[in-house]
Amino acid sequence: MRFSKYKAVKTVVDGITFASKREAYYYRLYSKMQEAGMIKNLKLQTSIPFKLNGEKVFTYKPDFEYDDENGHHIVDVKGVETPLFRLKKKLIEKLYKINIEIVK
C-alpha cells in the first residue's frame, strides 16, 4: 500500500487509478448517478489552462466535471487544501467566472 504525503491511498476502480480512496468513492457515486440519468457528460481529470498575457502559466486539472439540471459542475476531491491549491482555484475561478466545488 502506497501513501502520499497526505496519507492518501491510491485506489483502482474500473481500471482507473485514483489518487485516493475518497476520489474513487466519488467516481463510483458519479458513475451510478450517470447510469441513473441524474447527471450526464461525466469527465475525469480535464485540463483547464491558466494563461496570463497569452502565455500558459499552469494547467488546473479538476477531478470531475459533469452536467445536471442545475448546470455544469467542476468538482475537486480534497482531503487537504494547500495554500497553492487555494491560489490556483481562485485564479481559475476568476479567469473563467466559474465555481469549483470542493468535496471532502
PDB file of N, CA and C in Angstrom:
ATOM      1  N   MET A   1       0.846  -1.175   0.000  1.00  0.00           N
ATOM      2  CA  MET A   1       0.000   0.000   0.000  1.00  0.00           C
ATOM      3  C   MET A   1       0.890   1.236   0.000  1.00  0.00           C
ATOM      4  N   ARG A   2       0.654   2.157  -0.963  1.00  0.00           N
ATOM      5  CA  ARG A   2       1.455   3.379  -1.045  1.00  0.00           C
ATOM      6  C   ARG A   2       0.640   4.562  -0.584  1.00  0.00           C
ATOM      7  N   PHE A   3       1.250   5.351   0.276  1.00  0.00           N
ATOM      8  CA  PHE A   3       0.615   6.565   0.777  1.00  0.00           C
ATOM      9  C   PHE A   3       1.283   7.772   0.137  1.00  0.00           C
ATOM     10  N   SER A   4       0.500   8.831  -0.055  1.00  0.00           N
ATOM     11  CA  SER A   4       1.089  10.101  -0.466  1.00  0.00           C
ATOM     12  C   SER A   4       1.530  10.818   0.803  1.00  0.00           C
ATOM     13  N   LYS A   5       2.038  12.028   0.642  1.00  0.00           N
ATOM     14  CA  LYS A   5       2.465  12.752   1.839  1.00  0.00           C
ATOM     15  C   LYS A   5       1.296  13.126   2.726  1.00  0.00           C
ATOM     16  N   TYR A   6       0.068  13.054   2.193  1.00  0.00           N
ATOM     17  CA  TYR A   6      -1.115  13.348   2.998  1.00  0.00           C
ATOM     18  C   TYR A   6      -1.853  12.071   3.387  1.00  0.00           C
ATOM     19  N   LYS A   7      -1.173  10.928   3.277  1.00  0.00           N
ATOM     20  CA  LYS A   7      -1.686   9.612   3.658  1.00  0.00           C
ATOM     21  C   LYS A   7      -2.818   9.108   2.765  1.00  0.00           C
ATOM     22  N   ALA A   8      -2.941   9.646   1.568  1.00  0.00           N
ATOM     23  CA  ALA A   8      -3.939   9.153   0.616  1.00  0.00           C
ATOM     24  C   ALA A   8      -3.448   7.834   0.032  1.00  0.00           C
ATOM     25  N   VAL A   9      -4.366   6.908  -0.160  1.00  0.00           N
ATOM     26  CA  VAL A   9      -4.034   5.597  -0.702  1.00  0.00           C
ATOM     27  C   VAL A   9      -4.536   5.517  -2.141  1.00  0.00           C
ATOM     28  N   LYS A  10      -3.616   5.283  -3.084  1.00  0.00           N
ATOM     29  CA  LYS A  10      -4.028   5.127  -4.476  1.00  0.00           C
ATOM     30  C   LYS A  10      -4.983   3.954  -4.572  1.00  0.00           C
ATOM     31  N   THR A  11      -6.053   4.135  -5.364  1.00  0.00           N
ATOM     32  CA  THR A  11      -7.112   3.139  -5.478  1.00  0.00           C
ATOM     33  C   THR A  11      -7.499   2.980  -6.938  1.00  0.00           C
ATOM     34  N   VAL A  12      -7.667   1.720  -7.381  1.00  0.00           N
ATOM     35  CA  VAL A  12      -8.035   1.446  -8.768  1.00  0.00           C
ATOM     36  C   VAL A  12      -9.488   1.000  -8.828  1.00  0.00           C
ATOM     37  N   VAL A  13     -10.266   1.658  -9.709  1.00  0.00           N
ATOM     38  CA  VAL A  13     -11.669   1.310  -9.953  1.00  0.00           C
ATOM     39  C   VAL A  13     -11.877   1.324 -11.465  1.00  0.00           C
ATOM     40  N   ASP A  14     -12.451   0.285 -12.014  1.00  0.00           N
ATOM     41  CA  ASP A  14     -12.712   0.191 -13.453  1.00  0.00           C
ATOM     42  C   ASP A  14     -11.447   0.427 -14.281  1.00  0.00           C
ATOM     43  N   GLY A  15     -10.306  -0.012 -13.759  1.00  0.00           N
ATOM     44  CA  GLY A  15      -9.046   0.155 -14.466  1.00  0.00           C
ATOM     45  C   GLY A  15      -8.470   1.559 -14.395  1.00  0.00           C
ATOM     46  N   ILE A  16      -9.090   2.439 -13.620  1.00  0.00           N
ATOM     47  CA  ILE A  16      -8.635   3.825 -13.473  1.00  0.00           C
ATOM     48  C   ILE A  16      -7.990   3.974 -12.102  1.00  0.00           C
ATOM     49  N   THR A  17      -6.788   4.530 -12.058  1.00  0.00           N
ATOM     50  CA  THR A  17      -6.097   4.752 -10.785  1.00  0.00           C
ATOM     51  C   THR A  17      -6.444   6.136 -10.259  1.00  0.00           C
ATOM     52  N   PHE A  18      -6.965   6.168  -9.040  1.00  0.00           N
ATOM     53  CA  PHE A  18      -7.321   7.420  -8.384  1.00  0.00           C
ATOM     54  C   PHE A  18      -6.303   7.723  -7.294  1.00  0.00           C
ATOM     55  N   ALA A  19      -6.111   9.000  -7.007  1.00  0.00           N
ATOM     56  CA  ALA A  19      -5.117   9.441  -6.036  1.00  0.00           C
ATOM     57  C   ALA A  19      -5.479   9.052  -4.603  1.00  0.00           C
ATOM     58  N   SER A  20      -6.777   8.764  -4.362  1.00  0.00           N
ATOM     59  CA  SER A  20      -7.205   8.439  -3.002  1.00  0.00           C
ATOM     60  C   SER A  20      -8.460   7.573  -3.022  1.00  0.00           C
ATOM     61  N   LYS A  21      -8.733   6.946  -1.899  1.00  0.00           N
ATOM     62  CA  LYS A  21      -9.972   6.176  -1.740  1.00  0.00           C
ATOM     63  C   LYS A  21     -11.172   7.100  -1.868  1.00  0.00           C
ATOM     64  N   ARG A  22     -11.045   8.302  -1.348  1.00  0.00           N
ATOM     65  CA  ARG A  22     -12.133   9.282  -1.395  1.00  0.00           C
ATOM     66  C   ARG A  22     -12.467   9.654  -2.847  1.00  0.00           C
ATOM     67  N   GLU A  23     -11.450   9.878  -3.646  1.00  0.00           N
ATOM     68  CA  GLU A  23     -11.663  10.211  -5.052  1.00  0.00           C
ATOM     69  C   GLU A  23     -12.332   9.035  -5.781  1.00  0.00           C
ATOM     70  N   ALA A  24     -11.906   7.812  -5.481  1.00  0.00           N
ATOM     71  CA  ALA A  24     -12.518   6.616  -6.074  1.00  0.00           C
ATOM     72  C   ALA A  24     -13.979   6.490  -5.646  1.00  0.00           C
ATOM     73  N   TYR A  25     -14.267   6.824  -4.390  1.00  0.00           N
ATOM     74  CA  TYR A  25     -15.652   6.802  -3.894  1.00  0.00           C
ATOM     75  C   TYR A  25     -16.535   7.741  -4.724  1.00  0.00           C
ATOM     76  N   TYR A  26     -16.062   8.968  -4.961  1.00  0.00           N
ATOM     77  CA  TYR A  26     -16.853   9.927  -5.725  1.00  0.00           C
ATOM     78  C   TYR A  26     -17.000   9.492  -7.181  1.00  0.00           C
ATOM     79  N   TYR A  27     -15.976   8.837  -7.731  1.00  0.00           N
ATOM     80  CA  TYR A  27     -16.099   8.309  -9.086  1.00  0.00           C
ATOM     81  C   TYR A  27     -17.236   7.282  -9.139  1.00  0.00           C
ATOM     82  N   ARG A  28     -17.263   6.371  -8.186  1.00  0.00           N
ATOM     83  CA  ARG A  28     -18.343   5.373  -8.152  1.00  0.00           C
ATOM     84  C   ARG A  28     -19.700   6.059  -8.019  1.00  0.00           C
ATOM     85  N   LEU A  29     -19.783   7.046  -7.126  1.00  0.00           N
ATOM     86  CA  LEU A  29     -21.030   7.770  -6.899  1.00  0.00           C
ATOM     87  C   LEU A  29     -21.498   8.469  -8.180  1.00  0.00           C
ATOM     88  N   TYR A  30     -20.606   9.233  -8.814  1.00  0.00           N
ATOM     89  CA  TYR A  30     -20.976   9.955 -10.026  1.00  0.00           C
ATOM     90  C   TYR A  30     -21.301   8.996 -11.167  1.00  0.00           C
ATOM     91  N   SER A  31     -20.596   7.880 -11.255  1.00  0.00           N
ATOM     92  CA  SER A  31     -20.882   6.884 -12.288  1.00  0.00           C
ATOM     93  C   SER A  31     -22.283   6.322 -12.123  1.00  0.00           C
ATOM     94  N   LYS A  32     -22.662   6.009 -10.883  1.00  0.00           N
ATOM     95  CA  LYS A  32     -24.014   5.492 -10.622  1.00  0.00           C
ATOM     96  C   LYS A  32     -25.068   6.564 -10.918  1.00  0.00           C
ATOM     97  N   MET A  33     -24.766   7.819 -10.580  1.00  0.00           N
ATOM     98  CA  MET A  33     -25.697   8.908 -10.876  1.00  0.00           C
ATOM     99  C   MET A  33     -25.879   9.066 -12.384  1.00  0.00           C
ATOM    100  N   GLN A  34     -24.796   8.894 -13.136  1.00  0.00           N
ATOM    101  CA  GLN A  34     -24.899   8.999 -14.594  1.00  0.00           C
ATOM    102  C   GLN A  34     -25.713   7.831 -15.159  1.00  0.00           C
ATOM    103  N   GLU A  35     -25.469   6.626 -14.657  1.00  0.00           N
ATOM    104  CA  GLU A  35     -26.234   5.456 -15.099  1.00  0.00           C
ATOM    105  C   GLU A  35     -27.722   5.644 -14.811  1.00  0.00           C
ATOM    106  N   ALA A  36     -28.041   6.313 -13.715  1.00  0.00           N
ATOM    107  CA  ALA A  36     -29.444   6.550 -13.334  1.00  0.00           C
ATOM    108  C   ALA A  36     -30.053   7.749 -14.070  1.00  0.00           C
ATOM    109  N   GLY A  37     -29.251   8.438 -14.862  1.00  0.00           N
ATOM    110  CA  GLY A  37     -29.759   9.583 -15.618  1.00  0.00           C
ATOM    111  C   GLY A  37     -29.828  10.870 -14.821  1.00  0.00           C
ATOM    112  N   MET A  38     -29.233  10.894 -13.631  1.00  0.00           N
ATOM    113  CA  MET A  38     -29.263  12.088 -12.786  1.00  0.00           C
ATOM    114  C   MET A  38     -28.251  13.143 -13.250  1.00  0.00           C
ATOM    115  N   ILE A  39     -27.129  12.676 -13.829  1.00  0.00           N
ATOM    116  CA  ILE A  39     -26.122  13.571 -14.388  1.00  0.00           C
ATOM    117  C   ILE A  39     -25.737  13.034 -15.763  1.00  0.00           C
ATOM    118  N   LYS A  40     -25.027  13.865 -16.533  1.00  0.00           N
ATOM    119  CA  LYS A  40     -24.533  13.416 -17.831  1.00  0.00           C
ATOM    120  C   LYS A  40     -23.182  14.057 -18.106  1.00  0.00           C
ATOM    121  N   ASN A  41     -22.513  13.552 -19.119  1.00  0.00           N
ATOM    122  CA  ASN A  41     -21.215  14.086 -19.555  1.00  0.00           C
ATOM    123  C   ASN A  41     -20.152  14.051 -18.461  1.00  0.00           C
ATOM    124  N   LEU A  42     -20.112  12.975 -17.683  1.00  0.00           N
ATOM    125  CA  LEU A  42     -19.093  12.836 -16.636  1.00  0.00           C
ATOM    126  C   LEU A  42     -17.716  12.722 -17.281  1.00  0.00           C
ATOM    127  N   LYS A  43     -16.804  13.582 -16.834  1.00  0.00           N
ATOM    128  CA  LYS A  43     -15.434  13.579 -17.337  1.00  0.00           C
ATOM    129  C   LYS A  43     -14.481  13.584 -16.153  1.00  0.00           C
ATOM    130  N   LEU A  44     -13.335  12.941 -16.336  1.00  0.00           N
ATOM    131  CA  LEU A  44     -12.316  12.865 -15.293  1.00  0.00           C
ATOM    132  C   LEU A  44     -11.059  13.611 -15.733  1.00  0.00           C
ATOM    133  N   GLN A  45     -10.459  14.326 -14.796  1.00  0.00           N
ATOM    134  CA  GLN A  45      -9.151  14.963 -14.991  1.00  0.00           C
ATOM    135  C   GLN A  45      -9.058  15.754 -16.296  1.00  0.00           C
ATOM    136  N   THR A  46     -10.012  16.650 -16.534  1.00  0.00           N
ATOM    137  CA  THR A  46      -9.928  17.523 -17.700  1.00  0.00           C
ATOM    138  C   THR A  46      -8.841  18.575 -17.450  1.00  0.00           C
ATOM    139  N   SER A  47      -8.469  19.280 -18.467  1.00  0.00           N
ATOM    140  CA  SER A  47      -7.419  20.307 -18.336  1.00  0.00           C
ATOM    141  C   SER A  47      -8.003  21.692 -18.552  1.00  0.00           C
ATOM    142  N   ILE A  48      -7.728  22.583 -17.601  1.00  0.00           N
ATOM    143  CA  ILE A  48      -8.155  23.974 -17.716  1.00  0.00           C
ATOM    144  C   ILE A  48      -6.889  24.831 -17.621  1.00  0.00           C
ATOM    145  N   PRO A  49      -6.473  25.433 -18.745  1.00  0.00           N
ATOM    146  CA  PRO A  49      -5.232  26.221 -18.723  1.00  0.00           C
ATOM    147  C   PRO A  49      -5.440  27.598 -18.089  1.00  0.00           C
ATOM    148  N   PHE A  50      -4.443  28.049 -17.370  1.00  0.00           N
ATOM    149  CA  PHE A  50      -4.434  29.423 -16.866  1.00  0.00           C
ATOM    150  C   PHE A  50      -3.393  30.173 -17.683  1.00  0.00           C
ATOM    151  N   LYS A  51      -3.856  31.170 -18.431  1.00  0.00           N
ATOM    152  CA  LYS A  51      -2.947  31.957 -19.275  1.00  0.00           C
ATOM    153  C   LYS A  51      -2.928  33.395 -18.790  1.00  0.00           C
ATOM    154  N   LEU A  52      -1.760  33.977 -18.829  1.00  0.00           N
ATOM    155  CA  LEU A  52      -1.568  35.373 -18.464  1.00  0.00           C
ATOM    156  C   LEU A  52      -0.831  36.037 -19.611  1.00  0.00           C
ATOM    157  N   ASN A  53      -1.426  37.083 -20.173  1.00  0.00           N
ATOM    158  CA  ASN A  53      -0.859  37.768 -21.337  1.00  0.00           C
ATOM    159  C   ASN A  53      -0.580  36.792 -22.483  1.00  0.00           C
ATOM    160  N   GLY A  54      -1.490  35.828 -22.663  1.00  0.00           N
ATOM    161  CA  GLY A  54      -1.368  34.865 -23.750  1.00  0.00           C
ATOM    162  C   GLY A  54      -0.403  33.727 -23.497  1.00  0.00           C
ATOM    163  N   GLU A  55       0.251  33.724 -22.344  1.00  0.00           N
ATOM    164  CA  GLU A  55       1.228  32.684 -22.041  1.00  0.00           C
ATOM    165  C   GLU A  55       0.677  31.755 -20.961  1.00  0.00           C
ATOM    166  N   LYS A  56       0.764  30.446 -21.214  1.00  0.00           N
ATOM    167  CA  LYS A  56       0.265  29.480 -20.238  1.00  0.00           C
ATOM    168  C   LYS A  56       1.168  29.465 -19.004  1.00  0.00           C
ATOM    169  N   VAL A  57       0.539  29.654 -17.838  1.00  0.00           N
ATOM    170  CA  VAL A  57       1.282  29.683 -16.581  1.00  0.00           C
ATOM    171  C   VAL A  57       1.197  28.321 -15.897  1.00  0.00           C
ATOM    172  N   PHE A  58      -0.012  27.745 -15.881  1.00  0.00           N
ATOM    173  CA  PHE A  58      -0.201  26.404 -15.323  1.00  0.00           C
ATOM    174  C   PHE A  58      -1.487  25.813 -15.883  1.00  0.00           C
ATOM    175  N   THR A  59      -1.660  24.524 -15.661  1.00  0.00           N
ATOM    176  CA  THR A  59      -2.878  23.827 -16.064  1.00  0.00           C
ATOM    177  C   THR A  59      -3.522  23.261 -14.810  1.00  0.00           C
ATOM    178  N   TYR A  60      -4.792  23.580 -14.617  1.00  0.00           N
ATOM    179  CA  TYR A  60      -5.560  23.072 -13.478  1.00  0.00           C
ATOM    180  C   TYR A  60      -6.319  21.838 -13.954  1.00  0.00           C
ATOM    181  N   LYS A  61      -6.250  20.758 -13.179  1.00  0.00           N
ATOM    182  CA  LYS A  61      -6.927  19.517 -13.537  1.00  0.00           C
ATOM    183  C   LYS A  61      -7.898  19.119 -12.435  1.00  0.00           C
ATOM    184  N   PRO A  62      -9.165  19.510 -12.577  1.00  0.00           N
ATOM    185  CA  PRO A  62     -10.154  19.097 -11.582  1.00  0.00           C
ATOM    186  C   PRO A  62     -10.381  17.587 -11.678  1.00  0.00           C
ATOM    187  N   ASP A  63     -10.842  16.996 -10.587  1.00  0.00           N
ATOM    188  CA  ASP A  63     -11.070  15.555 -10.573  1.00  0.00           C
ATOM    189  C   ASP A  63     -12.240  15.157 -11.462  1.00  0.00           C
ATOM    190  N   PHE A  64     -13.322  15.941 -11.441  1.00  0.00           N
ATOM    191  CA  PHE A  64     -14.527  15.587 -12.196  1.00  0.00           C
ATOM    192  C   PHE A  64     -15.199  16.824 -12.782  1.00  0.00           C
ATOM    193  N   GLU A  65     -15.879  16.593 -13.898  1.00  0.00           N
ATOM    194  CA  GLU A  65     -16.803  17.576 -14.470  1.00  0.00           C
ATOM    195  C   GLU A  65     -18.032  16.815 -14.909  1.00  0.00           C
ATOM    196  N   TYR A  66     -19.195  17.412 -14.733  1.00  0.00           N
ATOM    197  CA  TYR A  66     -20.439  16.797 -15.199  1.00  0.00           C
ATOM    198  C   TYR A  66     -21.513  17.867 -15.333  1.00  0.00           C
ATOM    199  N   ASP A  67     -22.602  17.493 -15.998  1.00  0.00           N
ATOM    200  CA  ASP A  67     -23.745  18.379 -16.178  1.00  0.00           C
ATOM    201  C   ASP A  67     -24.963  17.767 -15.513  1.00  0.00           C
ATOM    202  N   ASP A  68     -25.828  18.624 -14.971  1.00  0.00           N
ATOM    203  CA  ASP A  68     -27.137  18.197 -14.474  1.00  0.00           C
ATOM    204  C   ASP A  68     -28.131  19.324 -14.730  1.00  0.00           C
ATOM    205  N   GLU A  69     -29.334  19.208 -14.183  1.00  0.00           N
ATOM    206  CA  GLU A  69     -30.353  20.232 -14.471  1.00  0.00           C
ATOM    207  C   GLU A  69     -29.981  21.599 -13.908  1.00  0.00           C
ATOM    208  N   ASN A  70     -29.012  21.656 -13.006  1.00  0.00           N
ATOM    209  CA  ASN A  70     -28.576  22.932 -12.435  1.00  0.00           C
ATOM    210  C   ASN A  70     -27.401  23.548 -13.178  1.00  0.00           C
ATOM    211  N   GLY A  71     -26.887  22.868 -14.205  1.00  0.00           N
ATOM    212  CA  GLY A  71     -25.780  23.418 -14.979  1.00  0.00           C
ATOM    213  C   GLY A  71     -24.560  22.537 -14.999  1.00  0.00           C
ATOM    214  N   HIS A  72     -23.430  23.169 -15.254  1.00  0.00           N
ATOM    215  CA  HIS A  72     -22.140  22.472 -15.365  1.00  0.00           C
ATOM    216  C   HIS A  72     -21.430  22.524 -14.015  1.00  0.00           C
ATOM    217  N   HIS A  73     -20.876  21.390 -13.598  1.00  0.00           N
ATOM    218  CA  HIS A  73     -20.187  21.306 -12.310  1.00  0.00           C
ATOM    219  C   HIS A  73     -18.732  20.910 -12.520  1.00  0.00           C
ATOM    220  N   ILE A  74     -17.856  21.587 -11.811  1.00  0.00           N
ATOM    221  CA  ILE A  74     -16.435  21.262 -11.776  1.00  0.00           C
ATOM    222  C   ILE A  74     -16.135  20.921 -10.319  1.00  0.00           C
ATOM    223  N   VAL A  75     -15.630  19.702 -10.098  1.00  0.00           N
ATOM    224  CA  VAL A  75     -15.501  19.194  -8.735  1.00  0.00           C
ATOM    225  C   VAL A  75     -14.080  18.720  -8.478  1.00  0.00           C
ATOM    226  N   ASP A  76     -13.560  19.086  -7.317  1.00  0.00           N
ATOM    227  CA  ASP A  76     -12.271  18.586  -6.870  1.00  0.00           C
ATOM    228  C   ASP A  76     -12.462  17.914  -5.514  1.00  0.00           C
ATOM    229  N   VAL A  77     -11.872  16.737  -5.364  1.00  0.00           N
ATOM    230  CA  VAL A  77     -11.931  15.993  -4.110  1.00  0.00           C
ATOM    231  C   VAL A  77     -10.669  16.338  -3.334  1.00  0.00           C
ATOM    232  N   LYS A  78     -10.837  16.863  -2.135  1.00  0.00           N
ATOM    233  CA  LYS A  78      -9.678  17.278  -1.351  1.00  0.00           C
ATOM    234  C   LYS A  78      -9.784  16.794   0.084  1.00  0.00           C
ATOM    235  N   GLY A  79      -8.715  16.251   0.574  1.00  0.00           N
ATOM    236  CA  GLY A  79      -8.601  15.954   1.991  1.00  0.00           C
ATOM    237  C   GLY A  79      -7.915  17.140   2.668  1.00  0.00           C
ATOM    238  N   VAL A  80      -6.905  17.673   1.966  1.00  0.00           N
ATOM    239  CA  VAL A  80      -6.136  18.818   2.459  1.00  0.00           C
ATOM    240  C   VAL A  80      -6.105  19.881   1.365  1.00  0.00           C
ATOM    241  N   GLU A  81      -6.510  21.091   1.701  1.00  0.00           N
ATOM    242  CA  GLU A  81      -6.430  22.209   0.761  1.00  0.00           C
ATOM    243  C   GLU A  81      -5.165  22.986   1.053  1.00  0.00           C
ATOM    244  N   THR A  82      -4.172  22.802   0.214  1.00  0.00           N
ATOM    245  CA  THR A  82      -2.903  23.509   0.413  1.00  0.00           C
ATOM    246  C   THR A  82      -3.044  24.965  -0.023  1.00  0.00           C
ATOM    247  N   PRO A  83      -2.159  25.826   0.450  1.00  0.00           N
ATOM    248  CA  PRO A  83      -2.191  27.223   0.006  1.00  0.00           C
ATOM    249  C   PRO A  83      -2.044  27.337  -1.525  1.00  0.00           C
ATOM    250  N   LEU A  84      -1.202  26.500  -2.137  1.00  0.00           N
ATOM    251  CA  LEU A  84      -1.030  26.536  -3.582  1.00  0.00           C
ATOM    252  C   LEU A  84      -2.329  26.151  -4.280  1.00  0.00           C
ATOM    253  N   PHE A  85      -3.010  25.121  -3.796  1.00  0.00           N
ATOM    254  CA  PHE A  85      -4.285  24.730  -4.389  1.00  0.00           C
ATOM    255  C   PHE A  85      -5.295  25.869  -4.285  1.00  0.00           C
ATOM    256  N   ARG A  86      -5.406  26.501  -3.120  1.00  0.00           N
ATOM    257  CA  ARG A  86      -6.372  27.585  -2.935  1.00  0.00           C
ATOM    258  C   ARG A  86      -6.098  28.743  -3.900  1.00  0.00           C
ATOM    259  N   LEU A  87      -4.821  29.045  -4.122  1.00  0.00           N
ATOM    260  CA  LEU A  87      -4.451  30.111  -5.052  1.00  0.00           C
ATOM    261  C   LEU A  87      -4.851  29.744  -6.481  1.00  0.00           C
ATOM    262  N   LYS A  88      -4.494  28.527  -6.922  1.00  0.00           N
ATOM    263  CA  LYS A  88      -4.838  28.099  -8.279  1.00  0.00           C
ATOM    264  C   LYS A  88      -6.349  28.081  -8.475  1.00  0.00           C
ATOM    265  N   LYS A  89      -7.079  27.595  -7.494  1.00  0.00           N
ATOM    266  CA  LYS A  89      -8.543  27.546  -7.557  1.00  0.00           C
ATOM    267  C   LYS A  89      -9.105  28.951  -7.748  1.00  0.00           C
ATOM    268  N   LYS A  90      -8.639  29.878  -6.947  1.00  0.00           N
ATOM    269  CA  LYS A  90      -9.125  31.258  -7.013  1.00  0.00           C
ATOM    270  C   LYS A  90      -8.805  31.892  -8.371  1.00  0.00           C
ATOM    271  N   LEU A  91      -7.605  31.675  -8.890  1.00  0.00           N
ATOM    272  CA  LEU A  91      -7.221  32.239 -10.179  1.00  0.00           C
ATOM    273  C   LEU A  91      -8.077  31.674 -11.313  1.00  0.00           C
ATOM    274  N   ILE A  92      -8.291  30.350 -11.323  1.00  0.00           N
ATOM    275  CA  ILE A  92      -9.109  29.720 -12.360  1.00  0.00           C
ATOM    276  C   ILE A  92     -10.556  30.203 -12.260  1.00  0.00           C
ATOM    277  N   GLU A  93     -11.085  30.280 -11.044  1.00  0.00           N
ATOM    278  CA  GLU A  93     -12.466  30.741 -10.867  1.00  0.00           C
ATOM    279  C   GLU A  93     -12.648  32.166 -11.390  1.00  0.00           C
ATOM    280  N   LYS A  94     -11.701  33.038 -11.110  1.00  0.00           N
ATOM    281  CA  LYS A  94     -11.800  34.435 -11.561  1.00  0.00           C
ATOM    282  C   LYS A  94     -11.642  34.538 -13.076  1.00  0.00           C
ATOM    283  N   LEU A  95     -10.677  33.818 -13.633  1.00  0.00           N
ATOM    284  CA  LEU A  95     -10.417  33.892 -15.066  1.00  0.00           C
ATOM    285  C   LEU A  95     -11.614  33.400 -15.881  1.00  0.00           C
ATOM    286  N   TYR A  96     -12.202  32.273 -15.465  1.00  0.00           N
ATOM    287  CA  TYR A  96     -13.294  31.660 -16.233  1.00  0.00           C
ATOM    288  C   TYR A  96     -14.689  31.977 -15.684  1.00  0.00           C
ATOM    289  N   LYS A  97     -14.735  32.739 -14.600  1.00  0.00           N
ATOM    290  CA  LYS A  97     -16.026  33.083 -13.960  1.00  0.00           C
ATOM    291  C   LYS A  97     -16.844  31.825 -13.681  1.00  0.00           C
ATOM    292  N   ILE A  98     -16.185  30.886 -12.993  1.00  0.00           N
ATOM    293  CA  ILE A  98     -16.808  29.608 -12.624  1.00  0.00           C
ATOM    294  C   ILE A  98     -16.667  29.380 -11.130  1.00  0.00           C
ATOM    295  N   ASN A  99     -17.347  28.368 -10.631  1.00  0.00           N
ATOM    296  CA  ASN A  99     -17.222  27.961  -9.242  1.00  0.00           C
ATOM    297  C   ASN A  99     -16.734  26.516  -9.208  1.00  0.00           C
ATOM    298  N   ILE A 100     -15.627  26.280  -8.554  1.00  0.00           N
ATOM    299  CA  ILE A 100     -15.116  24.920  -8.384  1.00  0.00           C
ATOM    300  C   ILE A 100     -15.609  24.398  -7.061  1.00  0.00           C
ATOM    301  N   GLU A 101     -16.334  23.296  -7.105  1.00  0.00           N
ATOM    302  CA  GLU A 101     -16.882  22.682  -5.898  1.00  0.00           C
ATOM    303  C   GLU A 101     -15.835  21.774  -5.267  1.00  0.00           C
ATOM    304  N   ILE A 102     -15.696  21.880  -3.957  1.00  0.00           N
ATOM    305  CA  ILE A 102     -14.778  21.028  -3.215  1.00  0.00           C
ATOM    306  C   ILE A 102     -15.600  20.027  -2.428  1.00  0.00           C
ATOM    307  N   VAL A 103     -15.275  18.739  -2.561  1.00  0.00           N
ATOM    308  CA  VAL A 103     -15.919  17.714  -1.757  1.00  0.00           C
ATOM    309  C   VAL A 103     -14.842  17.045  -0.916  1.00  0.00           C
ATOM    310  N   LYS A 104     -15.229  16.666   0.282  1.00  0.00           N
ATOM    311  CA  LYS A 104     -14.263  16.055   1.202  1.00  0.00           C
ATOM    312  C   LYS A 104     -14.687  14.671   1.595  1.00  0.00           C
TER     313      LYS A 104
END
